[in-house]
Amino acid sequence: MKISVKDVEHVALLSRLELSEEDKTKYTKSLNDILDYMELLNKIDTSEVEPTAHVLPLKNVFREDKLKECLPKEKTLANAPEAENGCFKVPKIM
């Protein structure tokens, strides 16, 4: 599938971009080069390759949850812009 200058103009219009004729030509060529490379990659046999989400065998490492002493309510609310009845006061959102 090849991209034409008309396709680039359409995407530029949707993106609200003003492109010069030189830019349109440049982006058309660049996008077509990308598509040509993708075609090349699609020809590679990957039937023996196991699907992965990451190239390294990483997994999440979580720390154990431990109960700790909480800050006193007064200290917690000390830097709050506004507090009311021992709680943070925030603007009403509707």
N, C-alpha and C. Protein backbone atom coordinates (compact mmCIF):
# COMPACT_ATOMS: atom_id res chain seq x y z
N MET A 1 0.86 -1.18 0.00
CA MET A 1 0.00 0.00 0.00
C MET A 1 0.90 1.24 0.00
N LYS A 2 0.67 2.10 -0.91
CA LYS A 2 1.46 3.33 -1.01
C LYS A 2 0.62 4.51 -0.54
N ILE A 3 1.31 5.46 0.05
CA ILE A 3 0.66 6.68 0.51
C ILE A 3 0.89 7.75 -0.54
N SER A 4 -0.16 8.47 -0.86
CA SER A 4 -0.04 9.54 -1.86
C SER A 4 0.02 10.90 -1.15
N VAL A 5 0.34 11.89 -1.91
CA VAL A 5 0.37 13.26 -1.38
C VAL A 5 -1.03 13.64 -0.90
N LYS A 6 -2.05 13.13 -1.59
CA LYS A 6 -3.43 13.41 -1.19
C LYS A 6 -3.72 12.85 0.21
N ASP A 7 -3.17 11.66 0.51
CA ASP A 7 -3.35 11.07 1.85
C ASP A 7 -2.67 11.94 2.91
N VAL A 8 -1.48 12.41 2.61
CA VAL A 8 -0.75 13.28 3.55
C VAL A 8 -1.54 14.58 3.76
N GLU A 9 -2.08 15.14 2.71
CA GLU A 9 -2.88 16.37 2.83
C GLU A 9 -4.11 16.12 3.70
N HIS A 10 -4.73 14.95 3.54
CA HIS A 10 -5.93 14.63 4.33
C HIS A 10 -5.58 14.52 5.82
N VAL A 11 -4.50 13.83 6.14
CA VAL A 11 -4.08 13.69 7.54
C VAL A 11 -3.67 15.05 8.11
N ALA A 12 -3.01 15.87 7.31
CA ALA A 12 -2.62 17.21 7.76
C ALA A 12 -3.87 18.05 8.05
N LEU A 13 -4.88 17.91 7.23
CA LEU A 13 -6.13 18.63 7.45
C LEU A 13 -6.79 18.18 8.76
N LEU A 14 -6.84 16.87 8.98
CA LEU A 14 -7.42 16.35 10.21
C LEU A 14 -6.63 16.78 11.44
N SER A 15 -5.32 16.92 11.28
CA SER A 15 -4.45 17.32 12.38
C SER A 15 -4.32 18.82 12.52
N ARG A 16 -4.97 19.55 11.63
CA ARG A 16 -4.91 21.01 11.61
C ARG A 16 -3.47 21.50 11.44
N LEU A 17 -2.74 20.85 10.52
CA LEU A 17 -1.37 21.23 10.22
C LEU A 17 -1.30 21.89 8.85
N GLU A 18 -0.52 22.93 8.78
CA GLU A 18 -0.27 23.55 7.48
C GLU A 18 1.08 23.06 6.99
N LEU A 19 1.08 22.34 5.88
CA LEU A 19 2.32 21.81 5.33
C LEU A 19 2.62 22.48 3.99
N SER A 20 3.89 22.77 3.79
CA SER A 20 4.30 23.30 2.48
C SER A 20 4.34 22.14 1.49
N GLU A 21 4.43 22.46 0.22
CA GLU A 21 4.51 21.42 -0.81
C GLU A 21 5.75 20.55 -0.59
N GLU A 22 6.83 21.19 -0.17
CA GLU A 22 8.08 20.47 0.11
C GLU A 22 7.87 19.47 1.25
N ASP A 23 7.17 19.90 2.33
CA ASP A 23 6.89 19.01 3.46
C ASP A 23 5.99 17.85 3.05
N LYS A 24 4.98 18.14 2.25
CA LYS A 24 4.08 17.08 1.79
C LYS A 24 4.85 16.01 1.03
N THR A 25 5.74 16.43 0.17
CA THR A 25 6.56 15.49 -0.60
C THR A 25 7.48 14.70 0.32
N LYS A 26 8.10 15.41 1.28
CA LYS A 26 9.03 14.77 2.21
C LYS A 26 8.30 13.74 3.07
N TYR A 27 7.13 14.09 3.61
CA TYR A 27 6.38 13.17 4.46
C TYR A 27 5.82 11.99 3.66
N THR A 28 5.43 12.22 2.43
CA THR A 28 4.96 11.13 1.58
C THR A 28 6.07 10.11 1.38
N LYS A 29 7.28 10.60 1.08
CA LYS A 29 8.41 9.70 0.88
C LYS A 29 8.75 8.97 2.18
N SER A 30 8.79 9.69 3.29
CA SER A 30 9.13 9.07 4.58
C SER A 30 8.13 7.99 4.97
N LEU A 31 6.86 8.28 4.82
CA LEU A 31 5.84 7.29 5.18
C LEU A 31 5.89 6.08 4.27
N ASN A 32 6.15 6.29 2.99
CA ASN A 32 6.28 5.16 2.07
C ASN A 32 7.52 4.33 2.39
N ASP A 33 8.61 4.97 2.82
CA ASP A 33 9.80 4.23 3.23
C ASP A 33 9.49 3.36 4.45
N ILE A 34 8.73 3.90 5.38
CA ILE A 34 8.34 3.13 6.57
C ILE A 34 7.49 1.93 6.17
N LEU A 35 6.53 2.14 5.28
CA LEU A 35 5.68 1.04 4.83
C LEU A 35 6.48 -0.02 4.08
N ASP A 36 7.45 0.41 3.28
CA ASP A 36 8.31 -0.55 2.58
C ASP A 36 9.09 -1.40 3.58
N TYR A 37 9.59 -0.78 4.63
CA TYR A 37 10.33 -1.52 5.64
C TYR A 37 9.41 -2.49 6.38
N MET A 38 8.19 -2.07 6.66
CA MET A 38 7.23 -2.96 7.32
C MET A 38 6.91 -4.16 6.44
N GLU A 39 6.82 -3.96 5.15
CA GLU A 39 6.62 -5.09 4.23
C GLU A 39 7.78 -6.07 4.32
N LEU A 40 8.99 -5.54 4.41
CA LEU A 40 10.17 -6.38 4.55
C LEU A 40 10.11 -7.18 5.84
N LEU A 41 9.72 -6.53 6.93
CA LEU A 41 9.60 -7.22 8.22
C LEU A 41 8.51 -8.28 8.19
N ASN A 42 7.43 -8.02 7.47
CA ASN A 42 6.34 -9.00 7.38
C ASN A 42 6.76 -10.27 6.64
N LYS A 43 7.80 -10.21 5.83
CA LYS A 43 8.27 -11.37 5.09
C LYS A 43 9.12 -12.31 5.95
N ILE A 44 9.55 -11.83 7.11
CA ILE A 44 10.41 -12.64 7.99
C ILE A 44 9.56 -13.73 8.63
N ASP A 45 10.10 -14.96 8.65
CA ASP A 45 9.40 -16.08 9.27
C ASP A 45 9.58 -16.02 10.79
N THR A 46 8.51 -15.77 11.50
CA THR A 46 8.56 -15.69 12.96
C THR A 46 7.77 -16.82 13.61
N SER A 47 7.51 -17.88 12.86
CA SER A 47 6.69 -18.98 13.38
C SER A 47 7.36 -19.69 14.56
N GLU A 48 8.68 -19.65 14.63
CA GLU A 48 9.41 -20.32 15.72
C GLU A 48 9.74 -19.37 16.88
N VAL A 49 9.31 -18.13 16.79
CA VAL A 49 9.63 -17.13 17.82
C VAL A 49 8.49 -17.07 18.81
N GLU A 50 8.84 -17.22 20.08
CA GLU A 50 7.83 -17.18 21.13
C GLU A 50 7.41 -15.73 21.38
N PRO A 51 6.11 -15.47 21.45
CA PRO A 51 5.66 -14.10 21.71
C PRO A 51 6.13 -13.62 23.08
N THR A 52 6.56 -12.37 23.13
CA THR A 52 7.01 -11.79 24.40
C THR A 52 6.46 -10.38 24.53
N ALA A 53 6.38 -9.94 25.77
CA ALA A 53 5.97 -8.57 26.03
C ALA A 53 7.19 -7.70 26.29
N HIS A 54 8.32 -8.34 26.59
CA HIS A 54 9.54 -7.60 26.88
C HIS A 54 10.73 -8.45 26.45
N VAL A 55 11.80 -7.82 26.02
CA VAL A 55 12.95 -8.58 25.52
C VAL A 55 13.74 -9.24 26.64
N LEU A 56 13.63 -8.74 27.86
CA LEU A 56 14.34 -9.31 28.99
C LEU A 56 13.36 -10.08 29.88
N PRO A 57 13.83 -11.14 30.53
CA PRO A 57 12.91 -11.91 31.39
C PRO A 57 12.69 -11.20 32.74
N LEU A 58 11.98 -10.10 32.69
CA LEU A 58 11.71 -9.33 33.90
C LEU A 58 10.33 -9.65 34.43
N LYS A 59 10.17 -9.49 35.72
CA LYS A 59 8.84 -9.60 36.31
C LYS A 59 8.74 -8.54 37.39
N ASN A 60 7.52 -8.22 37.76
CA ASN A 60 7.33 -7.20 38.78
C ASN A 60 7.84 -7.70 40.13
N VAL A 61 8.52 -6.83 40.82
CA VAL A 61 8.99 -7.15 42.16
C VAL A 61 8.28 -6.19 43.11
N PHE A 62 7.45 -6.76 43.93
CA PHE A 62 6.68 -5.95 44.86
C PHE A 62 7.24 -6.12 46.27
N ARG A 63 7.23 -5.05 47.01
CA ARG A 63 7.65 -5.16 48.40
C ARG A 63 6.46 -5.64 49.21
N GLU A 64 6.77 -6.23 50.34
CA GLU A 64 5.72 -6.71 51.22
C GLU A 64 5.06 -5.52 51.92
N ASP A 65 3.75 -5.52 52.01
CA ASP A 65 3.05 -4.46 52.72
C ASP A 65 3.26 -4.63 54.22
N LYS A 66 3.63 -3.54 54.85
CA LYS A 66 3.85 -3.57 56.30
C LYS A 66 3.05 -2.44 56.92
N LEU A 67 2.40 -2.74 58.01
CA LEU A 67 1.67 -1.72 58.73
C LEU A 67 2.64 -0.82 59.48
N LYS A 68 2.39 0.48 59.41
CA LYS A 68 3.22 1.45 60.11
C LYS A 68 2.31 2.41 60.84
N GLU A 69 2.90 3.15 61.72
CA GLU A 69 2.18 4.19 62.43
C GLU A 69 1.82 5.31 61.46
N CYS A 70 0.60 5.80 61.51
CA CYS A 70 0.16 6.90 60.64
C CYS A 70 0.59 8.24 61.24
N LEU A 71 0.61 9.26 60.38
CA LEU A 71 0.83 10.61 60.87
C LEU A 71 -0.39 11.06 61.65
N PRO A 72 -0.20 11.87 62.66
CA PRO A 72 -1.36 12.43 63.35
C PRO A 72 -2.15 13.32 62.40
N LYS A 73 -3.45 13.37 62.61
CA LYS A 73 -4.34 14.11 61.72
C LYS A 73 -3.91 15.58 61.60
N GLU A 74 -3.49 16.19 62.68
CA GLU A 74 -3.10 17.60 62.65
C GLU A 74 -1.87 17.80 61.76
N LYS A 75 -0.93 16.88 61.86
CA LYS A 75 0.29 16.99 61.05
C LYS A 75 -0.04 16.73 59.57
N THR A 76 -0.96 15.81 59.30
CA THR A 76 -1.35 15.51 57.93
C THR A 76 -2.01 16.71 57.28
N LEU A 77 -2.84 17.40 58.00
CA LEU A 77 -3.58 18.54 57.45
C LEU A 77 -2.82 19.86 57.55
N ALA A 78 -1.62 19.84 58.12
CA ALA A 78 -0.86 21.08 58.36
C ALA A 78 -0.58 21.84 57.06
N ASN A 79 -0.29 21.16 55.97
CA ASN A 79 0.05 21.84 54.71
C ASN A 79 -1.12 21.90 53.74
N ALA A 80 -2.28 21.45 54.17
CA ALA A 80 -3.45 21.48 53.27
C ALA A 80 -3.89 22.92 53.05
N PRO A 81 -4.26 23.29 51.82
CA PRO A 81 -4.74 24.65 51.57
C PRO A 81 -5.97 24.97 52.41
N GLU A 82 -6.86 23.97 52.53
CA GLU A 82 -8.05 24.15 53.36
C GLU A 82 -8.41 22.83 54.01
N ALA A 83 -8.88 22.90 55.24
CA ALA A 83 -9.34 21.72 55.96
C ALA A 83 -10.65 22.07 56.65
N GLU A 84 -11.51 21.06 56.82
CA GLU A 84 -12.79 21.28 57.48
C GLU A 84 -13.19 20.01 58.21
N ASN A 85 -13.48 20.11 59.48
CA ASN A 85 -13.89 18.97 60.31
C ASN A 85 -12.88 17.83 60.25
N GLY A 86 -11.60 18.14 60.25
CA GLY A 86 -10.56 17.13 60.25
C GLY A 86 -10.35 16.43 58.92
N CYS A 87 -10.85 17.03 57.83
CA CYS A 87 -10.71 16.44 56.49
C CYS A 87 -10.16 17.48 55.53
N PHE A 88 -9.57 17.02 54.42
CA PHE A 88 -9.17 17.94 53.36
C PHE A 88 -10.42 18.54 52.74
N LYS A 89 -10.42 19.85 52.52
CA LYS A 89 -11.54 20.49 51.84
C LYS A 89 -11.11 20.76 50.41
N VAL A 90 -11.91 20.25 49.47
CA VAL A 90 -11.60 20.40 48.05
C VAL A 90 -12.78 21.07 47.36
N PRO A 91 -12.55 21.69 46.18
CA PRO A 91 -13.66 22.30 45.48
C PRO A 91 -14.67 21.25 45.01
N LYS A 92 -15.93 21.66 45.04
CA LYS A 92 -16.98 20.77 44.56
C LYS A 92 -16.89 20.67 43.04
N ILE A 93 -16.96 19.45 42.54
CA ILE A 93 -16.89 19.22 41.10
C ILE A 93 -18.20 18.58 40.66
N MET A 94 -18.85 19.23 39.72
CA MET A 94 -20.10 18.68 39.21
C MET A 94 -20.06 18.63 37.72
